[in-house]
Every structure is written in structure tokens, then in C-alpha cells.
Amino acid sequence: MNHHPDPIVTTAQGAVRGLRQGDTAAFRNLPYAAPPRGADRFAPPRPHEPWDGVRDATVPGPNAPQSERRLGSVDMSPYFGTGWSRGEDYLTVNVWTPAADGGDLPVMVFVHGGGFVAGSTRSSMYDGSAFARDGVVLVTLNYRLGIAGFLDIPGAPANRGLLDVVAALRWVRENIAAFGGDPHNVTLFGQSAGATIVGGVLATTEAAGLFRRAIVQSGSGLGAFTTEQAARVTKAAAEVLGIEPHVDAVAGISDDRLVEAASRLGGIDLRTESHGDPLIGLSPFSLVLDTQPAESVAAGLGNDVDLLIGTNTEEGNLYLVPVDKYSTSTAGDVDDAAARSHPDPARLVETYRKARPEASFGELRSAIMGDALFGAGSWALAGAHAAHPESATYAYEFAWRSHALDGELGATHAVELPFVFDLANLPQLHGSAALLGPDQPPADLAARMHETWVRFARTGNPGWDSYDDERRATMRIDTEWTQVEDPRSQERQAWSRPVKDTP
């Protein structure tokens, strides 16, 4: 990388000019795959055509088609972004790197969340400056969402959004050395839907060798739909669009109609005789796999990748508190949450009541929902990965409570992200209805958590004991950091089921 005020890097597709910001340089809107237009929206990602001259990489580019997403009274715009920024050439990455020349820096590649239907690299919470400041090359990426990314369509490859992430990893392998990164020391990390995708990539043979470490923040190794479940979503989407459920029919439909149709697919009952809905009705889109990622990892896939995995203490609050369903929860709501997510709901509720004798109905409902969505699948993936000693497994629980929404939001889903990116001081994250609430978080929490993620990317060890089948060592991250063994053991065991050791 040159020392010109506007740094220029030559990639395999052509030269790009970024923007120097103090001691770091940022490059935005770098294509890693061809624009997904027309029928190509439902095809595997293809290489981008080369360009002549120097491509401007100083301003944000377009993102995947999506509708604006809200979660009740909490302001999630720093997380979801501002919605759809139009343009076809959106399969792109942003790169932040130390401005000084130098190679072999650890690389971290982030996959955003958003329920498989929203989010992008434009979101303010995903600024990678702090990573570059601390000697990491940080890459964020867009991938196909909704119908284009995850509807299981006859005649089209499944999990096209995941295939995009694999294509971005190939771009990193080919190009990141030009930005000062070590292509053989790549950490793939993601949150929520992005974390579930990371688990899916971990279990994807085509991604073998493209990354060395993985971080799964509030994802699930049991979060995939079966092909039977996905077919129900496809049938419903075809009915909304008025077409036959085949790629030839959907290929001619505009992005606007696809986005509008996706927003009308809520409420489909995906429970079958053998499988519950891993997203308990919150999204009609997920990975589509008849073998869950945790089962594939148990069989040995991803056994050469170090894994850091964890959840937040009150994940479910985000789906209840902002829509006034937490404090109004009843015993019937608790039973319904269990029935939606567990084959023996009565036993599940009894377990949670015994473990939390003072809990309100809202707390019980939130805890069951959070574990249905993230806890059970994270425990399963951690256990499956830890069974293979070739690589290390580490677990965490993020417990710091936001006092947003009259103190009820708590250690909810997504609240750890500003600390990982060392952006806890962003003004839009603070206020009575903002993610981090009206109070200032502990002064050193963001610095320490960010440094821990960087340390894991650099060394493969975040600084506490590894996770195994016996102790289940877990770092509880709060104002104080405390290593605990097998936290919430009774509740964990209530979700446990044998994880198959064959793919």
C-alpha cells in the first residue's frame, strides 16, 4: 500500500483508492463477486469483471435489497442501518487496515446479523477503525438476503447467502495480503443470523482452509431449516408472488416485489413431526440443511478451526420488551414459548421454574425464547466442536445489562456488539430507547472485550480456560469478568439431545 494521502491498493480485479483516516486506511465497496442481477440473483456467486484505472473506494456502496426493519420502541438503526441503499453491485466488502505498510497482520471477517432479511456493511456499529488501530485488518461484507439469499427454490442452489460469504473468504485469501493481512490467519466472525451463517460455513467443505478461527456471537448450530420446512416457505412465497415455485419463474421478478413478498411471509407454521421451528416464527428464512451444522461439526468438519462461542444472558428480551410483551407476560405465554420450541414443554417449564424460583413470567418467557433461538444451538455447537482436540473451543456469556426502556432491556440480543467493535461511545447507542441505555457502560468494558477478540484472532486464545465436556469453562463478561463452570447446567441439560456423529 502506498503512502499517498489517498492510499491505492491493487487487487486481482483492479486498483482501488481508499481513504486515510489518521493511522488507518479504509476501503469501501470493494466487489468480491459479480453483481447479482436478473437470473444471477439465484445462481452461485461468480467472479467480478476486472476494471481499468483506479476504482474509488472512499464512500459506502449499495447493499442487499431489504425492507426497513424495526423492533418496537428500541432504536436499532445502528444495527440494521437505514434500509435498502439501491444498486446491483452490492456483493462487496469494506476493509480497514493500519495505514503503515507491513504485512502478516491477523485478519477478521465479519458477517452481520438481521434475521437473514436485513443489515449491511453500512450500519454504523460495524466501523472497523478500532480493529485497524490495534493491528488487525478488518473486513465486513454484504451478502444476499431474503428470497434472493435464502429461499430454497427448485432449480437454484440452496443457501446462496452462505455461498456469498464463502466467495468473500476466497476474495480475502486472494487479495488481503495487498492490504497488509495474513491470508493464513483469518478469523471469521458473526452475530445472530451472521453467527448462524458462520456455523454453517464451519460445516461447509467448500470453505475448508479459508479461515483459521471462528467466533459465533449469539448464533445457533441447530438453526437450519430442513428441506421439508423450507419447502413450506417456498410454497407460501410462490403463492404471494403468483408464480410456480421454480427458479425460472422467480428470476424475472423485480427486487422490489421480492422484498415486498418476503415481508408477507411471517406466521408460517414450520413445525413438523420430527422438527421444531429453530427460529420460533421470528423469520421465514434461515440456512436450509437436512444435517444441522452442530451435527456436521460433531462428525469432524471444522475440526482444524479454533472456535470462540457465546450468548448474552437475556437474549430473549429484545423480542419482548420493546413491543410491551415482557411485563405483560402470563403463565400461558410461558407455556406457549415452551410449546413452540421443545418436544416436552411441560418438563422444560418445570426446569426453568426450579432454576429461577423468583422469576417473573416475563423472565421465564424470555429465557426460554433466548435458549430456543441461541442457547441450545450454541451449547450443541460448542460441545460438538470441543469433542475434537485438534483445535480449541472457548465459551463466553455476556452479562452486562443495558438500562434502556426503563431498565428492562438488560443483557439482550446484540448488546455485546458495540463492545466488540469498541464503539460503545457512539452517541446513537445512548438514550432511554437506545441499545445501551441512558447510563454510561463501565469505562474499560469495551476496551477489554475488543482486546479479547483481537487476542483470539491473533493467538487462538482469548485468555481463559478452554471449553470441554466436563467443566464447560465459560467466561462471564460483566463489569467484572468471572470464569464459571457449566453455567445454567439444569437449563442446558433440558435442551440436550444426542448430536449425531455422522454427516
Protein backbone atom coordinates (compact mmCIF):
# COMPACT_ATOMS: atom_id res chain seq x y z
CA MET A 1 0.00 0.00 0.00
CA ASN A 2 1.40 3.37 -1.00
CA HIS A 3 1.91 6.34 1.35
CA HIS A 4 -0.09 8.80 -0.77
CA PRO A 5 -2.72 10.68 1.26
CA ASP A 6 -5.27 8.59 -0.65
CA PRO A 7 -3.87 5.04 -0.44
CA ILE A 8 -4.10 2.86 -3.54
CA VAL A 9 -4.09 -0.94 -3.46
CA THR A 10 -4.05 -3.26 -6.45
CA THR A 11 -6.41 -6.23 -6.15
CA ALA A 12 -6.86 -9.14 -8.55
CA GLN A 13 -9.72 -7.24 -10.21
CA GLY A 14 -8.03 -3.85 -10.40
CA ALA A 15 -6.70 -0.91 -8.39
CA VAL A 16 -8.75 0.78 -5.65
CA ARG A 17 -8.28 4.09 -3.88
CA GLY A 18 -9.22 4.26 -0.21
CA LEU A 19 -9.36 6.97 2.42
CA ARG A 20 -6.69 7.59 5.01
CA GLN A 21 -8.04 8.32 8.50
CA GLY A 22 -5.17 9.08 10.84
CA ASP A 23 -3.15 5.93 11.30
CA THR A 24 -5.65 3.72 9.48
CA ALA A 25 -6.94 3.39 5.94
CA ALA A 26 -10.47 2.43 4.92
CA PHE A 27 -11.56 0.94 1.60
CA ARG A 28 -15.29 0.71 0.97
CA ASN A 29 -17.45 -1.01 -1.60
CA LEU A 30 -14.85 -3.43 -2.99
CA PRO A 31 -16.54 -6.11 -5.15
CA TYR A 32 -15.82 -9.73 -4.24
CA ALA A 33 -18.35 -11.17 -6.71
CA ALA A 34 -20.27 -10.11 -9.81
CA PRO A 35 -23.49 -8.10 -9.39
CA PRO A 36 -26.40 -10.50 -8.71
CA ARG A 37 -28.81 -9.19 -11.34
CA GLY A 38 -31.66 -10.95 -13.11
CA ALA A 39 -31.32 -14.74 -13.07
CA ASP A 40 -27.89 -14.39 -11.44
CA ARG A 41 -29.66 -13.46 -8.18
CA PHE A 42 -30.42 -17.16 -7.84
CA ALA A 43 -27.10 -18.54 -9.11
CA PRO A 44 -23.83 -19.20 -7.27
CA PRO A 45 -21.65 -16.09 -6.93
CA ARG A 46 -19.32 -15.50 -9.87
CA PRO A 47 -16.05 -13.56 -10.03
CA HIS A 48 -16.36 -9.84 -10.68
CA GLU A 49 -15.15 -8.49 -14.00
CA PRO A 50 -11.83 -6.60 -13.82
CA TRP A 51 -11.84 -2.84 -14.24
CA ASP A 52 -9.43 -0.37 -15.79
CA GLY A 53 -7.98 2.58 -13.94
CA VAL A 54 -8.44 3.17 -10.21
CA ARG A 55 -11.83 2.44 -8.63
CA ASP A 56 -12.99 4.89 -5.97
CA ALA A 57 -13.34 3.11 -2.62
CA THR A 58 -13.94 6.09 -0.34
CA VAL A 59 -17.73 6.05 0.02
CA PRO A 60 -20.25 3.35 1.02
CA GLY A 61 -21.85 1.37 -1.76
CA PRO A 62 -25.25 -0.25 -2.21
CA ASN A 63 -26.48 -3.12 -0.08
CA ALA A 64 -28.74 -6.12 -0.49
CA PRO A 65 -32.41 -5.43 -1.23
CA GLN A 66 -34.34 -5.29 2.05
CA SER A 67 -37.20 -3.56 3.78
CA GLU A 68 -36.64 -1.21 6.68
CA ARG A 69 -36.68 -3.23 9.90
CA ARG A 70 -37.81 -2.06 13.32
CA LEU A 71 -38.10 -3.69 16.72
CA GLY A 72 -40.79 -1.82 18.60
CA SER A 73 -39.67 1.09 20.77
CA VAL A 74 -35.92 0.41 20.80
CA ASP A 75 -33.78 2.27 18.25
CA MET A 76 -31.95 -0.45 16.32
CA SER A 77 -30.86 1.76 13.40
CA PRO A 78 -27.14 1.49 14.36
CA TYR A 79 -27.61 -2.29 13.99
CA PHE A 80 -29.87 -2.63 10.94
CA GLY A 81 -28.76 0.54 9.19
CA THR A 82 -31.14 2.73 7.26
CA GLY A 83 -32.62 0.11 4.98
CA TRP A 84 -32.05 -0.53 1.29
CA SER A 85 -29.41 1.56 -0.49
CA ARG A 86 -30.11 0.67 -4.09
CA GLY A 87 -27.64 -0.64 -6.63
CA GLU A 88 -26.95 -4.02 -8.21
CA ASP A 89 -23.21 -4.23 -7.49
CA TYR A 90 -23.63 -4.92 -3.77
CA LEU A 91 -21.66 -8.14 -3.21
CA THR A 92 -18.87 -6.11 -1.71
CA VAL A 93 -16.56 -5.82 1.28
CA ASN A 94 -15.24 -2.94 3.34
CA VAL A 95 -11.64 -3.16 4.56
CA TRP A 96 -9.95 -1.27 7.41
CA THR A 97 -6.19 -1.63 7.78
CA PRO A 98 -3.30 0.08 9.56
CA ALA A 99 -2.09 2.79 7.20
CA ALA A 100 1.58 1.97 7.73
CA ASP A 101 2.98 -0.61 5.37
CA GLY A 102 3.51 -4.03 6.85
CA GLY A 103 2.21 -7.49 6.23
CA ASP A 104 1.17 -10.65 8.03
CA LEU A 105 -1.40 -8.93 10.23
CA PRO A 106 -4.29 -11.02 11.59
CA VAL A 107 -7.45 -10.69 9.52
CA MET A 108 -11.01 -10.65 10.87
CA VAL A 109 -14.01 -11.05 8.55
CA PHE A 110 -17.39 -10.03 9.98
CA VAL A 111 -20.83 -11.34 8.91
CA HIS A 112 -23.68 -9.07 10.05
CA GLY A 113 -26.98 -10.19 11.53
CA GLY A 114 -30.51 -9.13 10.73
CA GLY A 115 -32.72 -12.21 10.64
CA PHE A 116 -31.49 -13.22 7.15
CA VAL A 117 -33.54 -10.33 5.72
CA ALA A 118 -31.79 -7.10 6.81
CA GLY A 119 -28.48 -5.45 7.67
CA SER A 120 -25.40 -4.39 5.76
CA THR A 121 -21.86 -3.06 5.93
CA ARG A 122 -23.35 0.45 6.04
CA SER A 123 -24.51 0.02 9.65
CA SER A 124 -22.65 2.41 11.96
CA MET A 125 -21.95 -0.32 14.50
CA TYR A 126 -19.63 -2.13 12.07
CA ASP A 127 -16.97 0.54 11.69
CA GLY A 128 -13.66 -1.34 11.77
CA SER A 129 -11.39 1.55 12.78
CA ALA A 130 -10.65 0.19 16.25
CA PHE A 131 -9.53 -3.15 14.81
CA ALA A 132 -7.16 -1.43 12.38
CA ARG A 133 -5.89 0.79 15.19
CA ASP A 134 -4.98 -2.37 17.09
CA GLY A 135 -3.14 -4.09 14.25
CA VAL A 136 -5.92 -6.10 12.64
CA VAL A 137 -7.17 -5.99 9.05
CA LEU A 138 -10.96 -5.91 9.47
CA VAL A 139 -13.28 -6.94 6.63
CA THR A 140 -17.07 -6.54 6.65
CA LEU A 141 -19.24 -7.95 3.88
CA ASN A 142 -22.67 -7.79 2.28
CA TYR A 143 -24.44 -10.97 1.23
CA ARG A 144 -27.74 -11.79 -0.45
CA LEU A 145 -30.75 -11.62 1.89
CA GLY A 146 -34.36 -12.78 1.95
CA ILE A 147 -35.72 -14.53 -1.12
CA ALA A 148 -32.58 -13.97 -3.22
CA GLY A 149 -30.30 -15.22 -0.46
CA PHE A 150 -32.14 -17.99 1.37
CA LEU A 151 -35.43 -19.10 -0.26
CA ASP A 152 -34.96 -22.75 -1.22
CA ILE A 153 -36.03 -22.66 -4.88
CA PRO A 154 -36.13 -25.71 -7.17
CA GLY A 155 -33.52 -25.25 -9.87
CA ALA A 156 -31.32 -22.93 -7.77
CA PRO A 157 -28.54 -23.75 -5.31
CA ALA A 158 -29.55 -23.56 -1.66
CA ASN A 159 -28.09 -21.12 0.87
CA ARG A 160 -26.94 -18.57 -1.68
CA GLY A 161 -26.23 -16.03 1.07
CA LEU A 162 -23.84 -18.51 2.66
CA LEU A 163 -22.20 -19.13 -0.71
CA ASP A 164 -21.61 -15.38 -0.88
CA VAL A 165 -19.74 -15.49 2.44
CA VAL A 166 -17.55 -18.32 1.14
CA ALA A 167 -16.86 -16.28 -2.01
CA ALA A 168 -15.86 -13.32 0.16
CA LEU A 169 -13.46 -15.58 2.06
CA ARG A 170 -11.93 -16.63 -1.28
CA TRP A 171 -11.53 -12.94 -2.16
CA VAL A 172 -9.79 -12.42 1.17
CA ARG A 173 -7.46 -15.36 0.52
CA GLU A 174 -6.53 -13.89 -2.86
CA ASN A 175 -6.32 -10.18 -2.03
CA ILE A 176 -5.86 -9.45 1.66
CA ALA A 177 -2.04 -9.57 1.59
CA ALA A 178 -2.16 -6.39 -0.52
CA PHE A 179 -3.86 -4.70 2.45
CA GLY A 180 -1.26 -5.97 4.93
CA GLY A 181 -3.18 -9.04 6.08
CA ASP A 182 -2.04 -12.62 6.52
CA PRO A 183 -4.29 -14.81 4.32
CA HIS A 184 -3.41 -17.79 6.51
CA ASN A 185 -4.57 -16.15 9.74
CA VAL A 186 -8.22 -15.31 9.08
CA THR A 187 -10.90 -15.25 11.77
CA LEU A 188 -14.49 -15.44 10.52
CA PHE A 189 -16.93 -13.94 13.00
CA GLY A 190 -20.58 -13.01 13.01
CA GLN A 191 -23.56 -12.17 15.18
CA SER A 192 -27.14 -13.50 15.20
CA ALA A 193 -28.05 -14.63 11.66
CA GLY A 194 -24.44 -13.85 10.74
CA ALA A 195 -23.23 -16.13 13.53
CA THR A 196 -25.53 -18.92 12.37
CA ILE A 197 -24.02 -18.47 8.90
CA VAL A 198 -20.52 -18.71 10.44
CA GLY A 199 -21.56 -22.03 11.99
CA GLY A 200 -22.82 -23.13 8.59
CA VAL A 201 -19.56 -22.11 6.91
CA LEU A 202 -17.67 -24.03 9.62
CA ALA A 203 -19.56 -27.12 8.47
CA THR A 204 -19.10 -26.44 4.73
CA THR A 205 -16.43 -28.48 2.99
CA GLU A 206 -16.01 -25.84 0.26
CA ALA A 207 -14.77 -23.37 2.91
CA ALA A 208 -12.11 -25.69 4.33
CA GLY A 209 -8.75 -23.95 4.62
CA LEU A 210 -10.13 -20.44 4.01
CA PHE A 211 -10.13 -19.45 7.69
CA ARG A 212 -8.29 -20.47 10.82
CA ARG A 213 -10.59 -19.30 13.60
CA ALA A 214 -14.28 -18.57 14.09
CA ILE A 215 -16.34 -16.54 16.54
CA VAL A 216 -20.07 -17.27 16.91
CA GLN A 217 -21.89 -14.46 18.77
CA SER A 218 -25.49 -15.41 19.56
CA GLY A 219 -25.89 -17.81 16.68
CA SER A 220 -27.02 -21.42 16.58
CA GLY A 221 -25.54 -24.71 15.44
CA LEU A 222 -29.12 -26.03 15.31
CA GLY A 223 -30.63 -23.08 13.45
CA ALA A 224 -31.13 -24.53 9.97
CA PHE A 225 -34.47 -25.40 8.41
CA THR A 226 -34.92 -28.87 6.93
CA THR A 227 -35.75 -29.07 3.23
CA GLU A 228 -39.31 -30.02 4.24
CA GLN A 229 -39.65 -26.86 6.31
CA ALA A 230 -38.05 -24.69 3.64
CA ALA A 231 -40.48 -26.07 1.04
CA ARG A 232 -43.36 -24.61 3.07
CA VAL A 233 -41.78 -21.16 2.87
CA THR A 234 -41.17 -21.60 -0.86
CA LYS A 235 -44.81 -22.61 -1.42
CA ALA A 236 -46.03 -19.57 0.51
CA ALA A 237 -43.67 -17.23 -1.37
CA ALA A 238 -44.81 -18.61 -4.73
CA GLU A 239 -48.42 -18.02 -3.75
CA VAL A 240 -47.71 -14.43 -2.69
CA LEU A 241 -45.86 -13.80 -5.97
CA GLY A 242 -48.41 -15.65 -8.08
CA ILE A 243 -45.84 -17.91 -9.75
CA GLU A 244 -44.80 -21.53 -9.95
CA PRO A 245 -42.18 -22.40 -7.32
CA HIS A 246 -39.23 -22.68 -9.71
CA VAL A 247 -36.17 -20.56 -10.39
CA ASP A 248 -37.25 -19.83 -13.98
CA ALA A 249 -40.41 -18.15 -12.70
CA VAL A 250 -38.84 -16.15 -9.89
CA ALA A 251 -35.85 -14.97 -11.94
CA GLY A 252 -37.92 -12.39 -13.80
CA ILE A 253 -39.44 -10.74 -10.74
CA SER A 254 -38.11 -7.37 -9.60
CA ASP A 255 -36.19 -6.86 -6.38
CA ASP A 256 -38.97 -4.59 -5.13
CA ARG A 257 -41.57 -7.33 -5.47
CA LEU A 258 -39.27 -9.88 -3.85
CA VAL A 259 -38.67 -7.59 -0.86
CA GLU A 260 -42.38 -6.89 -0.52
CA ALA A 261 -43.22 -10.59 -0.77
CA ALA A 262 -40.62 -11.51 1.86
CA SER A 263 -42.25 -9.11 4.30
CA ARG A 264 -45.55 -11.00 3.91
CA LEU A 265 -44.18 -14.44 4.82
CA GLY A 266 -44.46 -14.20 8.59
CA GLY A 267 -46.56 -16.62 10.59
CA ILE A 268 -45.85 -19.82 8.63
CA ASP A 269 -46.00 -22.85 10.93
CA LEU A 270 -42.76 -24.71 10.22
CA ARG A 271 -43.14 -27.41 12.86
CA THR A 272 -43.09 -30.95 11.51
CA GLU A 273 -43.44 -34.37 13.10
CA SER A 274 -39.68 -34.60 13.61
CA HIS A 275 -38.51 -30.97 13.85
CA GLY A 276 -39.48 -27.78 15.61
CA ASP A 277 -39.02 -24.32 14.13
CA PRO A 278 -35.48 -23.28 15.18
CA LEU A 279 -36.42 -19.59 14.75
CA ILE A 280 -39.75 -20.00 16.61
CA GLY A 281 -41.59 -18.00 13.98
CA LEU A 282 -39.37 -14.91 14.05
CA SER A 283 -38.08 -15.29 10.49
CA PRO A 284 -39.17 -17.38 7.49
CA PHE A 285 -35.56 -17.55 6.30
CA SER A 286 -32.54 -19.43 7.58
CA LEU A 287 -29.95 -21.85 6.30
CA VAL A 288 -31.51 -24.91 4.68
CA LEU A 289 -29.74 -28.12 5.67
CA ASP A 290 -31.00 -31.59 6.49
CA THR A 291 -27.92 -32.03 8.68
CA GLN A 292 -27.54 -29.31 11.29
CA PRO A 293 -24.12 -27.57 11.49
CA ALA A 294 -23.58 -28.93 15.01
CA GLU A 295 -24.06 -32.46 13.68
CA SER A 296 -21.60 -31.88 10.84
CA VAL A 297 -19.06 -30.42 13.27
CA ALA A 298 -19.55 -33.42 15.55
CA ALA A 299 -18.61 -35.56 12.54
CA GLY A 300 -15.33 -33.65 12.19
CA LEU A 301 -15.97 -30.74 9.85
CA GLY A 302 -14.23 -27.59 11.05
CA ASN A 303 -12.03 -29.54 13.45
CA ASP A 304 -8.98 -27.52 12.35
CA VAL A 305 -10.61 -24.18 13.24
CA ASP A 306 -10.39 -22.64 16.73
CA LEU A 307 -13.82 -21.56 17.99
CA LEU A 308 -15.00 -18.85 20.39
CA ILE A 309 -18.74 -19.07 21.01
CA GLY A 310 -21.22 -17.46 23.34
CA THR A 311 -24.56 -15.84 24.03
CA ASN A 312 -25.97 -12.97 26.07
CA THR A 313 -27.68 -13.56 29.41
CA GLU A 314 -31.08 -12.14 28.41
CA GLU A 315 -31.21 -12.73 24.65
CA GLY A 316 -35.00 -13.02 24.50
CA ASN A 317 -35.66 -9.59 25.99
CA LEU A 318 -35.17 -7.91 22.60
CA TYR A 319 -38.23 -9.72 21.22
CA LEU A 320 -40.47 -8.87 24.20
CA VAL A 321 -39.50 -5.64 25.97
CA PRO A 322 -39.63 -3.19 23.01
CA VAL A 323 -43.10 -4.46 21.98
CA ASP A 324 -44.58 -4.37 25.51
CA LYS A 325 -44.81 -8.15 25.84
CA TYR A 326 -42.35 -8.63 28.71
CA SER A 327 -44.07 -7.17 31.76
CA THR A 328 -47.47 -8.32 30.50
CA SER A 329 -46.39 -11.97 30.06
CA THR A 330 -48.61 -14.63 31.60
CA ALA A 331 -48.17 -18.27 32.60
CA GLY A 332 -49.87 -19.12 29.30
CA ASP A 333 -47.25 -17.16 27.37
CA VAL A 334 -44.50 -19.13 29.13
CA ASP A 335 -46.20 -22.40 28.24
CA ASP A 336 -46.68 -21.26 24.65
CA ALA A 337 -42.99 -20.31 24.30
CA ALA A 338 -42.04 -23.79 25.52
CA ALA A 339 -44.54 -25.50 23.23
CA ARG A 340 -43.14 -23.63 20.21
CA SER A 341 -39.60 -24.74 20.88
CA HIS A 342 -39.37 -28.03 22.79
CA PRO A 343 -40.74 -31.56 22.41
CA ASP A 344 -41.54 -31.76 26.15
CA PRO A 345 -42.74 -28.26 27.04
CA ALA A 346 -44.07 -29.13 30.49
CA ARG A 347 -40.71 -30.53 31.58
CA LEU A 348 -38.93 -27.51 30.11
CA VAL A 349 -41.09 -25.03 32.03
CA GLU A 350 -40.65 -27.01 35.23
CA THR A 351 -36.87 -26.92 34.80
CA TYR A 352 -36.81 -23.15 34.33
CA ARG A 353 -39.14 -22.57 37.27
CA LYS A 354 -36.91 -24.65 39.54
CA ALA A 355 -33.76 -22.91 38.33
CA ARG A 356 -35.36 -19.44 38.72
CA PRO A 357 -37.81 -19.64 41.65
CA GLU A 358 -38.16 -15.84 41.90
CA ALA A 359 -38.52 -15.23 38.17
CA SER A 360 -41.44 -13.32 36.67
CA PHE A 361 -43.41 -14.75 33.76
CA GLY A 362 -41.58 -12.29 31.52
CA GLU A 363 -38.18 -13.54 32.65
CA LEU A 364 -39.18 -17.18 32.16
CA ARG A 365 -40.63 -16.49 28.73
CA SER A 366 -37.56 -14.52 27.65
CA ALA A 367 -35.17 -17.18 28.94
CA ILE A 368 -36.95 -19.98 27.09
CA MET A 369 -37.12 -17.94 23.87
CA GLY A 370 -33.46 -16.94 24.12
CA ASP A 371 -32.34 -20.52 24.59
CA ALA A 372 -34.62 -21.79 21.82
CA LEU A 373 -33.09 -19.29 19.42
CA PHE A 374 -29.46 -19.19 20.55
CA GLY A 375 -28.61 -21.02 23.76
CA ALA A 376 -29.45 -24.59 22.81
CA GLY A 377 -27.75 -24.32 19.43
CA SER A 378 -24.67 -22.67 20.93
CA TRP A 379 -24.31 -25.35 23.60
CA ALA A 380 -24.69 -28.03 20.91
CA LEU A 381 -22.09 -26.44 18.63
CA ALA A 382 -19.63 -25.86 21.49
CA GLY A 383 -19.93 -29.45 22.64
CA ALA A 384 -19.62 -30.85 19.12
CA HIS A 385 -16.51 -28.78 18.42
CA ALA A 386 -14.88 -29.49 21.79
CA ALA A 387 -15.08 -33.22 21.11
CA HIS A 388 -12.25 -32.78 18.58
CA PRO A 389 -8.93 -31.99 20.27
CA GLU A 390 -7.23 -30.84 17.05
CA SER A 391 -8.42 -27.27 17.79
CA ALA A 392 -9.53 -25.25 20.79
CA THR A 393 -13.04 -24.27 21.91
CA TYR A 394 -13.80 -21.29 24.19
CA ALA A 395 -17.14 -20.13 25.58
CA TYR A 396 -18.39 -16.81 26.94
CA GLU A 397 -21.59 -15.31 28.34
CA PHE A 398 -22.14 -11.55 28.02
CA ALA A 399 -23.98 -10.40 31.14
CA TRP A 400 -23.73 -6.59 31.25
CA ARG A 401 -27.24 -5.13 31.46
CA SER A 402 -28.41 -2.14 29.45
CA HIS A 403 -30.85 0.07 31.36
CA ALA A 404 -32.74 1.07 28.23
CA LEU A 405 -36.55 1.02 28.22
CA ASP A 406 -36.95 1.66 31.95
CA GLY A 407 -34.19 -0.79 32.82
CA GLU A 408 -35.89 -3.82 31.26
CA LEU A 409 -33.84 -4.33 28.09
CA GLY A 410 -30.94 -5.89 30.00
CA ALA A 411 -28.22 -8.14 28.60
CA THR A 412 -30.24 -8.68 25.49
CA HIS A 413 -29.55 -9.80 21.96
CA ALA A 414 -26.99 -7.62 20.09
CA VAL A 415 -25.97 -5.57 23.16
CA GLU A 416 -22.43 -7.01 23.08
CA LEU A 417 -21.66 -5.72 19.57
CA PRO A 418 -20.63 -2.14 20.45
CA PHE A 419 -18.14 -3.58 22.94
CA VAL A 420 -16.64 -5.99 20.40
CA PHE A 421 -16.15 -3.13 17.93
CA ASP A 422 -15.03 -0.73 20.70
CA LEU A 423 -17.80 1.67 19.69
CA ALA A 424 -19.68 1.89 22.98
CA ASN A 425 -19.35 5.69 22.88
CA LEU A 426 -21.39 6.12 19.68
CA PRO A 427 -23.98 8.81 20.54
CA GLN A 428 -26.81 6.97 18.77
CA LEU A 429 -26.34 3.99 21.12
CA HIS A 430 -27.18 6.08 24.20
CA GLY A 431 -30.54 7.23 25.47
CA SER A 432 -33.60 5.81 27.18
CA ALA A 433 -34.66 3.98 23.98
CA ALA A 434 -31.18 3.27 22.56
CA LEU A 435 -29.45 -0.09 22.75
CA LEU A 436 -27.01 0.80 25.55
CA GLY A 437 -29.50 2.88 27.52
CA PRO A 438 -29.11 6.20 29.34
CA ASP A 439 -26.16 5.23 31.54
CA GLN A 440 -22.52 5.08 30.59
CA PRO A 441 -21.23 1.49 30.47
CA PRO A 442 -18.17 0.55 32.53
CA ALA A 443 -15.22 2.57 31.27
CA ASP A 444 -12.99 -0.36 30.39
CA LEU A 445 -15.54 -2.94 29.25
CA ALA A 446 -15.37 -2.11 25.53
CA ALA A 447 -11.58 -1.84 25.56
CA ARG A 448 -11.19 -5.19 27.29
CA MET A 449 -13.76 -7.06 25.22
CA HIS A 450 -12.40 -5.68 21.96
CA GLU A 451 -8.86 -6.57 23.01
CA THR A 452 -10.01 -10.10 23.86
CA TRP A 453 -11.49 -10.62 20.39
CA VAL A 454 -8.28 -9.28 18.85
CA ARG A 455 -6.19 -11.56 21.06
CA PHE A 456 -8.22 -14.58 19.96
CA ALA A 457 -7.76 -13.62 16.30
CA ARG A 458 -4.04 -13.18 16.79
CA THR A 459 -3.27 -16.21 19.01
CA GLY A 460 -6.30 -18.50 19.16
CA ASN A 461 -6.59 -18.00 22.94
CA PRO A 462 -8.91 -15.33 24.43
CA GLY A 463 -7.34 -15.62 27.88
CA TRP A 464 -9.32 -18.22 29.82
CA ASP A 465 -9.65 -22.00 30.06
CA SER A 466 -10.89 -23.90 27.05
CA TYR A 467 -14.34 -25.49 26.95
CA ASP A 468 -14.66 -29.24 27.36
CA ASP A 469 -17.36 -31.81 28.03
CA GLU A 470 -16.71 -31.95 31.76
CA ARG A 471 -16.02 -28.44 33.12
CA ARG A 472 -17.61 -26.37 30.35
CA ALA A 473 -15.48 -23.39 31.39
CA THR A 474 -17.23 -20.14 30.40
CA MET A 475 -16.14 -16.53 30.84
CA ARG A 476 -18.99 -14.41 32.21
CA ILE A 477 -18.38 -10.90 30.91
CA ASP A 478 -19.77 -8.05 33.00
CA THR A 479 -18.35 -5.13 34.97
CA GLU A 480 -16.19 -7.90 36.43
CA TRP A 481 -15.06 -10.88 34.37
CA THR A 482 -15.56 -14.26 36.08
CA GLN A 483 -14.77 -17.72 34.78
CA VAL A 484 -17.54 -20.14 35.74
CA GLU A 485 -18.03 -23.84 35.12
CA ASP A 486 -21.11 -25.26 33.40
CA PRO A 487 -23.31 -22.20 33.94
CA ARG A 488 -27.06 -22.84 33.90
CA SER A 489 -26.41 -26.56 33.92
CA GLN A 490 -30.02 -27.64 34.55
CA GLU A 491 -31.39 -25.49 31.75
CA ARG A 492 -28.66 -26.61 29.36
CA GLN A 493 -29.42 -30.25 30.03
CA ALA A 494 -33.13 -29.69 29.39
CA TRP A 495 -32.25 -28.89 25.76
CA SER A 496 -29.58 -31.53 25.31
CA ARG A 497 -30.08 -34.24 22.78
CA PRO A 498 -27.62 -36.63 21.20
CA VAL A 499 -25.74 -34.89 18.41
CA LYS A 500 -25.16 -37.32 15.57
CA ASP A 501 -21.55 -38.07 14.76
CA THR A 502 -22.20 -38.82 11.10
CA PRO A 503 -22.92 -36.17 8.47
